[in-house]
Structures are given as structure tokens and as C-alpha cells.
Amino acid sequence: MKRLISILLLAAILLCGCSGKKSDEEILAERRDIAEAHMRYMMSVLWESDVDISYSRESGSMGPEQDEAGGGVVLHLKAGTLYAGMPYTHGGGGAESFLSFGTPDENGVYQMSGLTTQLLNGGSGSKNSFNTARLSNDCADAVYWAWSRVGTSFTFSVTNNMTAERGCLPVGDYKTESNTYTGTRELVKENGDEVMLAAYALLQKADAVVTSNNAGHAMMIARNNPVKNGDAIDPEASYVLVHEQFTTNYRDGLTYTDEKTGRTVYQLGGVDRKYTYAQLLKKGYLPITIKELVDPAEPEYMDIQDSVKEHSVDTITTGSISTMMKIDMVTVTITDEKGEIVQEATVFTTEKTHIMFRMELFEDRLEAQVTRGSLDIDALAPGKYHCKTTCSLGTGETATVRDFDFTVS
């Protein structure tokens, strides 16, 4: 299988062939543009659901009603209401999986159908019917998918492991922990204001900042504006604009009027939000980046690996699919001799299955409650069929992994 790369990066390479070789600075700037633009898109995409949906943000949810009664954060999304930005969840999913439930109308508003409480509620452990979130993302995952548009060098899953060991490189010369953060506020204090302010001043578009104490948060940089007072950086005048995935806008009821449709839009995602360096210091934010944003070498893209080499009706839900490009969802489609779909199912990945996806999940009883569609190979009537397995990748592409004919007798 040929090496797969982002459609946007491929287009850039083709343009490069027409206008001459790009400099290292141009390559890095282009990657930063791509990653920041995708983060902005996830936090501002317009959509509306055809049904009311209530779900809990609590990763250890006992159900929306019980969580809300206990003071937990429960979001109530209303049918026919226009929202901007993917909803905050612990599903760990990207834009492609969430938006696969909708089709954009003439105004670019995704008309969503099939969203359920289970797909958005709680964590993503499938331990019970309340912890089955699969769609959309939280703050760290949003940064993860934005960076996945241009790179593969990182493996973090939550804010407290957005460390150098997991591919999140320090911006600046501050001292940090390499494995798991035990308290970034203390790290900021230990390094001192002067060191941290100098590090903040080096932040560029598509870099990120992360804090991890009792609770954590991560945000992507859209713009940086350092200001000096004499020879020193002024922490109150200096600021960054960030994109962030959070629930503050929902709880504040933030709205605006969409110029194209004239409708009221409820803003979920955070876009171009301003934070002063002083605020970053107080909250213990560390500035970070990834290899692909500082090293112009081509990102390391591994061919998608299928552990099953010979495909048949008996191997449709066996084996595993591995890739460095991050898997957002996997779909198996079975068609008959006329090319009509007779069975189709999509499994949405979790943080544990972004790199290696086990095909047996298509037969998992607990996973079935958050799988779109279903497979029942034994129910197929005798005849000839075709099976196609595709993966939606973090690069924005859809890759065909399995593509074969089989016969049921």
C-alpha cells in the first residue's frame, strides 16, 4: 500500500512542484497553518441536531440525571438549535467521526441525525451504559486531532501526559517533567517568572499550552503578542489568542448572530480567546509543541498494517489494523452482486484504539451500544458478496484497508 499523507499536505507538495522547492520556513509555516485551521474548524463548525440530547461531561458518569442531581456538568442540546463547535465530551473522537452523522445544507450547517446520549455521555470505557462516549472530544483530544493533521510523533491521551516522553516538546528553556505531570503550577514556580515569560514569548501558531494539577486543560495557540516594558516582558500587556475545547461557553450561554443565515448561534467551542501571560503563569501553563512544527523533515508515516494477510468471510471481524496516522473510525461495508449495501457497521475509536484497532470490536457486546449499524455474517443469504473495510484517519483521509469478494454457500 502506498504511503498515505494528508490531502492538504499532498496539495502543498503538488503546488511546490509548480513553484519551486519550498524553504524549511515555508514548510513549517504551512504545517502550522493547517493544524491551527483544523483546530479553529472543530471549535466553530456549525451544526444542529434533529433530536434533543442530554449528556454528562463526567468521565465516571452514573447517568445524566444522577450526575446533574449531584452537581455534575450535564449539557442539554436542543433539536433545531444552531451550535458552533463540536460539543465537549470525553469521546476522544475527531471531526470526521462526529460530522459523519450529518450532511451540510446550502449554508454549510451540518444537519445531524442519529446522535444519542450514549455516544456523548461519560468516559469512553464501555464499562456500563453511562461510560460509552465515542464522539467529539475534550481539550487535550482536540489538540491531538489538530496536530494529527500534520504529524504522528505524539502519543498523549490526557493533559497530565502531554509530556516530552509522549511527543510534546517544551517551547523555551524551562525545566519540566518527562513522564507525567504531578503539578504544573509548581513547575512554573520552580522555573520562575522570567524563564516562563521568555518561553511564552516564543510560542507560535499551532503550538499549545497545557496545565495539569488537580484538573488539567490544554489550548492551541492562534496568535502570540509579546510586549516588552524596557528589557523585560510585560506579563499583563503580553497575551496569546487560543482555540480551546471547554464547556464555559455553553454554561455562559454565549451566542452570536450568523451573518449568512440570520440565526442565533450558540457557541460551544472557544475561538480566538485572549489570555495574558500573567494568566498563563497563575494557572501554571507550560508551552509545548511537536516535532513536525519545528523540524521540516517529512513526518514519519507508516503504511497501514493489517495483521490478516489473506481475507475471507471468516476473517471479516478478526485481526487488527495499525497505523501512526491515528484512526478516528472504522467502517465495514458488505454489498451484494448488484452493489447494494446489505450490511454496514461503523465502530468509533477510543484513545486506546487510535493506533491499533481490533476488528473483534465489531462483535463486542458492549461496543454494540455505540456502534452505528451492525454486522451479522451468519444472517447473509447464500450468494456472492463484496467486503470493504475503511479507516478514517487523523490526516483527513479515508483509507481502504480490506477490499475483497467472498461467497456464502
Protein backbone atom coordinates (compact mmCIF):
# COMPACT_ATOMS: atom_id res chain seq x y z
CA MET A 1 0.00 0.00 0.00
CA LYS A 2 1.35 3.40 -0.88
CA ARG A 3 2.28 5.77 1.90
CA LEU A 4 -0.72 7.85 2.91
CA ILE A 5 -0.37 11.50 3.75
CA SER A 6 -2.74 14.34 4.42
CA ILE A 7 -4.65 15.63 1.43
CA LEU A 8 -3.67 19.14 2.40
CA LEU A 9 0.00 18.28 2.60
CA LEU A 10 -0.21 16.45 -0.71
CA ALA A 11 -1.73 19.51 -2.33
CA ALA A 12 1.08 21.57 -0.89
CA ILE A 13 3.65 19.22 -2.41
CA LEU A 14 1.99 19.45 -5.80
CA LEU A 15 1.96 23.23 -5.61
CA CYS A 16 5.59 23.13 -4.58
CA GLY A 17 6.39 21.24 -7.77
CA CYS A 18 4.89 24.09 -9.78
CA SER A 19 6.51 26.99 -7.99
CA GLY A 20 9.84 25.53 -6.93
CA LYS A 21 11.12 23.90 -3.76
CA LYS A 22 9.83 25.43 -0.55
CA SER A 23 12.18 26.60 2.16
CA ASP A 24 12.20 24.99 5.59
CA GLU A 25 10.46 28.08 6.98
CA GLU A 26 7.69 27.81 4.40
CA ILE A 27 7.18 24.10 5.13
CA LEU A 28 6.86 24.72 8.87
CA ALA A 29 4.60 27.74 8.38
CA GLU A 30 2.31 25.69 6.17
CA ARG A 31 2.04 22.92 8.74
CA ARG A 32 1.23 25.45 11.43
CA ASP A 33 -1.47 26.96 9.22
CA ILE A 34 -3.02 23.53 8.62
CA ALA A 35 -3.07 22.47 12.28
CA GLU A 36 -4.40 25.80 13.56
CA ALA A 37 -7.06 25.94 10.84
CA HIS A 38 -8.33 22.47 11.78
CA MET A 39 -8.50 23.36 15.48
CA ARG A 40 -10.42 26.51 14.55
CA TYR A 41 -12.75 24.43 12.37
CA MET A 42 -13.51 21.91 15.13
CA MET A 43 -14.31 24.73 17.55
CA SER A 44 -16.53 26.68 15.12
CA VAL A 45 -18.21 24.22 12.72
CA LEU A 46 -21.97 24.86 12.50
CA TRP A 47 -24.44 22.05 13.19
CA GLU A 48 -27.87 21.24 14.55
CA SER A 49 -29.44 18.01 15.76
CA ASP A 50 -32.82 16.58 14.85
CA VAL A 51 -33.43 15.44 18.45
CA ASP A 52 -32.83 16.75 21.97
CA ILE A 53 -29.74 15.24 23.61
CA SER A 54 -28.75 15.43 27.27
CA TYR A 55 -25.40 14.01 28.30
CA SER A 56 -22.95 14.18 31.18
CA ARG A 57 -19.42 15.52 30.93
CA GLU A 58 -18.36 13.47 33.95
CA SER A 59 -15.89 10.73 32.96
CA GLY A 60 -17.23 8.47 35.73
CA SER A 61 -20.85 9.17 34.89
CA MET A 62 -23.71 7.45 36.67
CA GLY A 63 -26.14 8.83 34.08
CA PRO A 64 -27.12 12.40 33.17
CA GLU A 65 -29.96 12.73 35.69
CA GLN A 66 -27.98 11.35 38.61
CA ASP A 67 -24.87 13.35 37.69
CA GLU A 68 -26.85 16.58 37.44
CA ALA A 69 -28.52 15.96 40.80
CA GLY A 70 -25.06 15.50 42.29
CA GLY A 71 -23.69 18.72 40.85
CA GLY A 72 -22.02 17.26 37.78
CA VAL A 73 -21.83 19.06 34.45
CA VAL A 74 -24.68 17.95 32.19
CA LEU A 75 -25.24 19.52 28.79
CA HIS A 76 -28.69 19.79 27.24
CA LEU A 77 -28.51 20.21 23.47
CA LYS A 78 -31.80 21.15 21.83
CA ALA A 79 -33.15 19.99 18.48
CA GLY A 80 -33.24 22.71 15.85
CA THR A 81 -30.79 24.91 17.77
CA LEU A 82 -27.75 26.10 15.84
CA TYR A 83 -24.45 25.30 17.55
CA ALA A 84 -20.89 26.34 16.69
CA GLY A 85 -18.13 23.93 17.61
CA MET A 86 -18.06 20.26 18.43
CA PRO A 87 -19.51 19.52 21.88
CA TYR A 88 -17.18 18.87 24.81
CA THR A 89 -17.02 15.14 25.58
CA HIS A 90 -14.51 12.50 26.65
CA GLY A 91 -15.17 10.53 23.48
CA GLY A 92 -11.70 11.13 22.08
CA GLY A 93 -13.01 11.44 18.51
CA GLY A 94 -12.14 13.75 15.65
CA ALA A 95 -14.16 15.92 13.31
CA GLU A 96 -14.76 13.21 10.72
CA SER A 97 -16.49 10.79 13.10
CA PHE A 98 -18.70 13.45 14.69
CA LEU A 99 -19.69 15.06 11.40
CA SER A 100 -20.34 11.67 9.77
CA PHE A 101 -23.73 11.91 11.48
CA GLY A 102 -24.66 14.92 9.37
CA THR A 103 -24.79 16.44 5.92
CA PRO A 104 -24.10 20.15 5.33
CA ASP A 105 -27.01 22.17 3.95
CA GLU A 106 -26.76 25.04 1.47
CA ASN A 107 -25.42 27.29 4.26
CA GLY A 108 -22.80 24.82 5.41
CA VAL A 109 -24.75 23.86 8.54
CA TYR A 110 -24.45 20.15 9.29
CA GLN A 111 -27.87 18.55 9.72
CA MET A 112 -27.16 15.89 12.32
CA SER A 113 -29.21 12.74 12.73
CA GLY A 114 -28.62 9.71 14.92
CA LEU A 115 -26.77 11.36 17.80
CA THR A 116 -27.53 9.70 21.13
CA THR A 117 -26.82 10.25 24.80
CA GLN A 118 -24.65 7.12 24.88
CA LEU A 119 -22.39 8.35 22.08
CA LEU A 120 -21.59 11.52 24.04
CA ASN A 121 -22.01 10.57 27.71
CA GLY A 122 -19.35 10.00 30.33
CA GLY A 123 -15.94 8.49 29.62
CA SER A 124 -15.07 6.03 26.88
CA GLY A 125 -14.53 2.86 28.87
CA SER A 126 -17.69 0.99 27.87
CA LYS A 127 -17.81 -0.29 31.44
CA ASN A 128 -21.52 0.44 31.62
CA SER A 129 -24.19 2.20 29.59
CA PHE A 130 -23.18 5.57 31.09
CA ASN A 131 -19.47 5.47 30.18
CA THR A 132 -19.64 4.96 26.44
CA ALA A 133 -18.65 8.31 24.91
CA ARG A 134 -17.29 7.85 21.40
CA LEU A 135 -17.96 11.09 19.55
CA SER A 136 -16.32 14.51 19.80
CA ASN A 137 -13.53 15.38 22.21
CA ASP A 138 -12.15 17.20 25.23
CA CYS A 139 -9.39 19.81 25.42
CA ALA A 140 -6.39 17.50 25.01
CA ASP A 141 -8.03 15.40 22.31
CA ALA A 142 -8.92 18.48 20.27
CA VAL A 143 -5.24 19.48 20.19
CA TYR A 144 -4.37 15.86 19.40
CA TRP A 145 -6.58 15.76 16.30
CA ALA A 146 -5.45 19.19 15.11
CA TRP A 147 -1.82 18.11 15.34
CA SER A 148 -2.70 14.80 13.66
CA ARG A 149 -3.37 16.76 10.50
CA VAL A 150 0.39 17.29 10.13
CA GLY A 151 2.20 14.81 12.37
CA THR A 152 2.50 11.43 14.05
CA SER A 153 5.24 11.94 16.65
CA PHE A 154 2.97 12.21 19.72
CA THR A 155 1.06 9.64 21.76
CA PHE A 156 -0.51 11.57 24.65
CA SER A 157 -4.07 10.87 25.78
CA VAL A 158 -4.79 13.35 28.59
CA THR A 159 -3.32 16.62 29.85
CA ASN A 160 -1.11 15.05 32.50
CA ASN A 161 0.82 13.05 29.92
CA MET A 162 1.25 15.82 27.36
CA THR A 163 4.96 15.49 28.11
CA ALA A 164 8.19 15.26 26.14
CA GLU A 165 8.13 11.48 26.55
CA ARG A 166 4.78 11.47 24.69
CA GLY A 167 5.99 13.82 21.96
CA CYS A 168 5.01 17.21 23.46
CA LEU A 169 8.25 19.16 23.28
CA PRO A 170 8.95 22.17 25.52
CA VAL A 171 8.91 25.60 23.89
CA GLY A 172 11.68 27.54 25.64
CA ASP A 173 14.32 26.59 28.18
CA TYR A 174 12.26 25.76 31.23
CA LYS A 175 12.80 22.56 33.20
CA THR A 176 9.93 20.08 33.10
CA GLU A 177 8.93 16.52 33.93
CA SER A 178 9.37 13.96 31.17
CA ASN A 179 6.77 11.34 32.06
CA THR A 180 3.65 12.50 33.90
CA TYR A 181 2.92 15.95 35.30
CA THR A 182 2.30 15.95 39.03
CA GLY A 183 1.61 19.69 39.21
CA THR A 184 2.47 22.23 36.54
CA ARG A 185 1.84 25.20 38.85
CA GLU A 186 4.77 24.07 40.96
CA LEU A 187 6.88 23.62 37.83
CA VAL A 188 6.12 27.17 36.74
CA LYS A 189 7.05 28.48 40.19
CA GLU A 190 10.28 26.48 40.26
CA ASN A 191 11.34 27.83 36.87
CA GLY A 192 10.49 31.40 37.80
CA ASP A 193 8.58 34.13 36.01
CA GLU A 194 11.49 35.32 33.89
CA VAL A 195 12.14 31.89 32.38
CA MET A 196 8.47 31.17 31.77
CA LEU A 197 7.72 34.58 30.26
CA ALA A 198 10.63 34.13 27.86
CA ALA A 199 9.18 30.73 26.90
CA TYR A 200 5.68 32.14 26.35
CA ALA A 201 7.18 34.78 24.06
CA LEU A 202 8.47 32.00 21.77
CA LEU A 203 5.04 30.46 21.19
CA GLN A 204 3.87 30.35 17.57
CA LYS A 205 0.67 29.49 15.77
CA ALA A 206 -0.36 25.82 16.33
CA ASP A 207 1.83 25.38 19.42
CA ALA A 208 -0.08 24.67 22.62
CA VAL A 209 -0.12 25.37 26.33
CA VAL A 210 -1.04 22.80 28.95
CA THR A 211 -1.72 22.88 32.67
CA SER A 212 -2.22 19.78 34.80
CA ASN A 213 -2.84 19.99 38.51
CA ASN A 214 -5.94 18.60 40.22
CA ALA A 215 -7.61 19.32 36.89
CA GLY A 216 -5.98 19.94 33.54
CA HIS A 217 -6.54 21.95 30.41
CA ALA A 218 -4.87 22.35 27.01
CA MET A 219 -5.28 25.09 24.41
CA MET A 220 -3.88 25.72 20.93
CA ILE A 221 -2.18 28.99 20.06
CA ALA A 222 -3.73 31.03 17.24
CA ARG A 223 -1.64 34.16 17.77
CA ASN A 224 1.04 35.40 20.16
CA ASN A 225 1.62 39.04 21.11
CA PRO A 226 4.59 39.51 23.46
CA VAL A 227 5.09 43.06 24.75
CA LYS A 228 8.21 44.40 26.45
CA ASN A 229 8.43 47.06 29.13
CA GLY A 230 12.02 48.15 28.72
CA ASP A 231 14.10 44.98 28.52
CA ALA A 232 11.57 42.86 30.38
CA ILE A 233 8.48 41.09 29.07
CA ASP A 234 5.30 42.69 30.41
CA PRO A 235 3.07 39.82 31.65
CA GLU A 236 -0.07 41.97 31.76
CA ALA A 237 0.29 43.54 28.31
CA SER A 238 1.54 40.37 26.61
CA TYR A 239 -1.12 37.89 25.53
CA VAL A 240 -1.99 34.90 23.36
CA LEU A 241 -5.15 34.13 21.41
CA VAL A 242 -6.13 30.49 21.68
CA HIS A 243 -8.66 27.94 20.48
CA GLU A 244 -9.92 25.66 23.23
CA GLN A 245 -12.41 22.88 23.80
CA PHE A 246 -14.34 23.52 27.02
CA THR A 247 -17.84 23.94 28.47
CA THR A 248 -17.58 27.56 29.61
CA ASN A 249 -19.32 29.00 26.54
CA TYR A 250 -22.20 26.55 26.96
CA ARG A 251 -22.63 27.36 30.65
CA ASP A 252 -22.41 31.12 29.93
CA GLY A 253 -24.98 30.85 27.14
CA LEU A 254 -22.67 32.65 24.70
CA THR A 255 -24.40 33.43 21.40
CA TYR A 256 -23.89 35.41 18.22
CA THR A 257 -25.89 36.03 15.06
CA ASP A 258 -24.77 34.16 11.96
CA GLU A 259 -24.50 36.65 9.11
CA LYS A 260 -25.33 34.12 6.40
CA THR A 261 -28.49 32.66 7.94
CA GLY A 262 -29.50 35.43 10.32
CA ARG A 263 -29.95 32.80 13.03
CA THR A 264 -28.79 32.83 16.63
CA VAL A 265 -25.80 30.56 17.12
CA TYR A 266 -24.88 29.03 20.47
CA GLN A 267 -21.08 28.97 20.70
CA LEU A 268 -19.69 25.77 22.20
CA GLY A 269 -16.02 25.83 21.22
CA GLY A 270 -13.61 28.59 22.17
CA VAL A 271 -12.14 30.55 19.24
CA ASP A 272 -9.52 33.33 19.50
CA ARG A 273 -9.89 33.63 23.25
CA LYS A 274 -7.45 36.02 24.91
CA TYR A 275 -5.18 35.06 27.82
CA THR A 276 -2.47 37.31 29.19
CA TYR A 277 0.91 35.88 30.10
CA ALA A 278 0.05 36.73 33.70
CA GLN A 279 -2.99 34.44 33.49
CA LEU A 280 -0.89 31.65 31.99
CA LEU A 281 1.61 31.99 34.85
CA LYS A 282 -1.09 31.96 37.51
CA LYS A 283 -2.73 28.83 36.12
CA GLY A 284 0.56 27.00 35.60
CA TYR A 285 0.57 26.66 31.82
CA LEU A 286 3.57 25.10 30.08
CA PRO A 287 4.23 25.98 26.41
CA ILE A 288 4.64 22.92 24.17
CA THR A 289 4.90 21.91 20.52
CA ILE A 290 5.53 18.80 18.40
CA LYS A 291 8.47 17.72 16.25
CA GLU A 292 6.67 18.35 12.96
CA LEU A 293 6.23 22.05 13.80
CA VAL A 294 9.94 22.64 14.40
CA ASP A 295 11.58 20.05 12.12
CA PRO A 296 10.88 20.45 8.37
CA ALA A 297 11.73 16.80 7.63
CA GLU A 298 8.82 14.79 6.26
CA PRO A 299 6.71 13.34 9.10
CA GLU A 300 7.14 9.66 9.75
CA TYR A 301 4.20 7.99 8.06
CA MET A 302 3.99 4.22 8.36
CA ASP A 303 1.92 2.20 5.90
CA ILE A 304 -1.29 0.93 7.44
CA GLN A 305 -0.64 -2.57 8.75
CA ASP A 306 -3.28 -5.30 8.61
CA SER A 307 -2.42 -8.32 10.73
CA VAL A 308 -4.59 -10.50 8.47
CA LYS A 309 -2.94 -11.16 5.12
CA GLU A 310 -5.49 -13.47 3.49
CA HIS A 311 -9.08 -12.26 3.65
CA SER A 312 -12.23 -14.35 3.59
CA VAL A 313 -15.70 -14.46 5.10
CA ASP A 314 -14.11 -15.96 8.23
CA THR A 315 -11.71 -13.06 8.79
CA ILE A 316 -14.05 -10.07 8.41
CA THR A 317 -14.01 -9.32 12.14
CA THR A 318 -10.61 -10.78 13.06
CA GLY A 319 -7.13 -9.32 13.30
CA SER A 320 -6.06 -5.74 13.89
CA ILE A 321 -5.29 -2.58 11.93
CA SER A 322 -2.33 -0.44 12.97
CA THR A 323 -1.13 2.99 11.86
CA MET A 324 0.80 6.00 13.10
CA MET A 325 -1.74 8.32 11.48
CA LYS A 326 -4.42 7.96 14.19
CA ILE A 327 -7.69 6.12 13.44
CA ASP A 328 -10.94 8.01 14.05
CA MET A 329 -13.43 5.34 12.96
CA VAL A 330 -13.54 2.05 11.05
CA THR A 331 -16.36 1.00 8.72
CA VAL A 332 -17.12 -2.42 7.27
CA THR A 333 -19.47 -2.45 4.26
CA ILE A 334 -20.87 -5.62 2.70
CA THR A 335 -22.54 -5.35 -0.71
CA ASP A 336 -24.30 -7.92 -2.87
CA GLU A 337 -23.73 -8.74 -6.54
CA LYS A 338 -25.75 -5.67 -7.55
CA GLY A 339 -23.53 -3.41 -5.45
CA GLU A 340 -26.29 -2.71 -2.95
CA ILE A 341 -25.38 -2.47 0.73
CA VAL A 342 -26.77 -5.40 2.70
CA GLN A 343 -24.84 -4.82 5.95
CA GLU A 344 -22.74 -1.95 7.24
CA ALA A 345 -21.30 -1.01 10.60
CA THR A 346 -19.01 1.70 11.95
CA VAL A 347 -17.03 1.43 15.18
CA PHE A 348 -15.70 4.67 16.66
CA THR A 349 -12.28 4.51 18.22
CA THR A 350 -11.20 5.43 21.74
CA GLU A 351 -7.87 6.71 23.00
CA LYS A 352 -6.79 3.08 23.36
CA THR A 353 -7.58 2.19 19.75
CA HIS A 354 -6.36 5.22 17.79
CA ILE A 355 -3.10 3.49 16.88
CA MET A 356 -4.13 -0.17 16.85
CA PHE A 357 -7.74 -1.10 16.19
CA ARG A 358 -9.01 -4.62 16.93
CA MET A 359 -11.57 -5.84 14.40
CA GLU A 360 -13.21 -8.04 17.04
CA LEU A 361 -14.84 -4.86 18.38
CA PHE A 362 -17.43 -5.29 15.62
CA GLU A 363 -18.67 -8.33 17.58
CA ASP A 364 -18.20 -6.91 21.08
CA ARG A 365 -21.45 -6.87 23.06
CA LEU A 366 -20.65 -3.68 24.98
CA GLU A 367 -19.34 -1.89 21.90
CA ALA A 368 -22.60 -2.65 20.08
CA GLN A 369 -24.41 0.05 22.10
CA VAL A 370 -22.25 2.74 20.46
CA THR A 371 -21.72 1.14 17.05
CA ARG A 372 -23.57 2.63 14.09
CA GLY A 373 -25.24 -0.20 12.20
CA SER A 374 -24.34 -3.85 12.74
CA LEU A 375 -22.81 -6.91 11.16
CA ASP A 376 -24.31 -10.41 11.23
CA ILE A 377 -22.35 -12.53 8.80
CA ASP A 378 -24.32 -15.65 9.72
CA ALA A 379 -27.53 -13.93 8.58
CA LEU A 380 -26.31 -13.48 4.99
CA ALA A 381 -28.24 -15.48 2.42
CA PRO A 382 -26.26 -17.79 0.11
CA GLY A 383 -24.62 -15.81 -2.68
CA LYS A 384 -21.67 -13.69 -3.73
CA TYR A 385 -20.67 -10.61 -1.76
CA HIS A 386 -18.02 -7.93 -1.51
CA CYS A 387 -16.47 -6.66 1.73
CA LYS A 388 -14.73 -3.32 2.09
CA THR A 389 -13.11 -2.04 5.28
CA THR A 390 -12.16 1.63 5.50
CA CYS A 391 -10.49 3.78 8.14
CA SER A 392 -10.96 7.49 8.70
CA LEU A 393 -7.53 8.87 9.60
CA GLY A 394 -6.28 11.86 11.52
CA THR A 395 -4.75 13.24 8.33
CA GLY A 396 -8.26 13.80 6.99
CA GLU A 397 -8.12 10.89 4.55
CA THR A 398 -10.20 7.74 4.34
CA ALA A 399 -8.07 4.68 3.62
CA THR A 400 -9.28 1.35 2.26
CA VAL A 401 -7.65 -1.44 4.25
CA ARG A 402 -9.55 -4.54 3.11
CA ASP A 403 -11.30 -5.00 -0.22
CA PHE A 404 -12.28 -8.50 -1.28
CA ASP A 405 -15.01 -10.80 -2.61
CA PHE A 406 -16.42 -13.75 -0.75
CA THR A 407 -19.13 -16.34 -1.18
CA VAL A 408 -21.71 -17.64 1.29
CA SER A 409 -22.91 -21.12 0.50
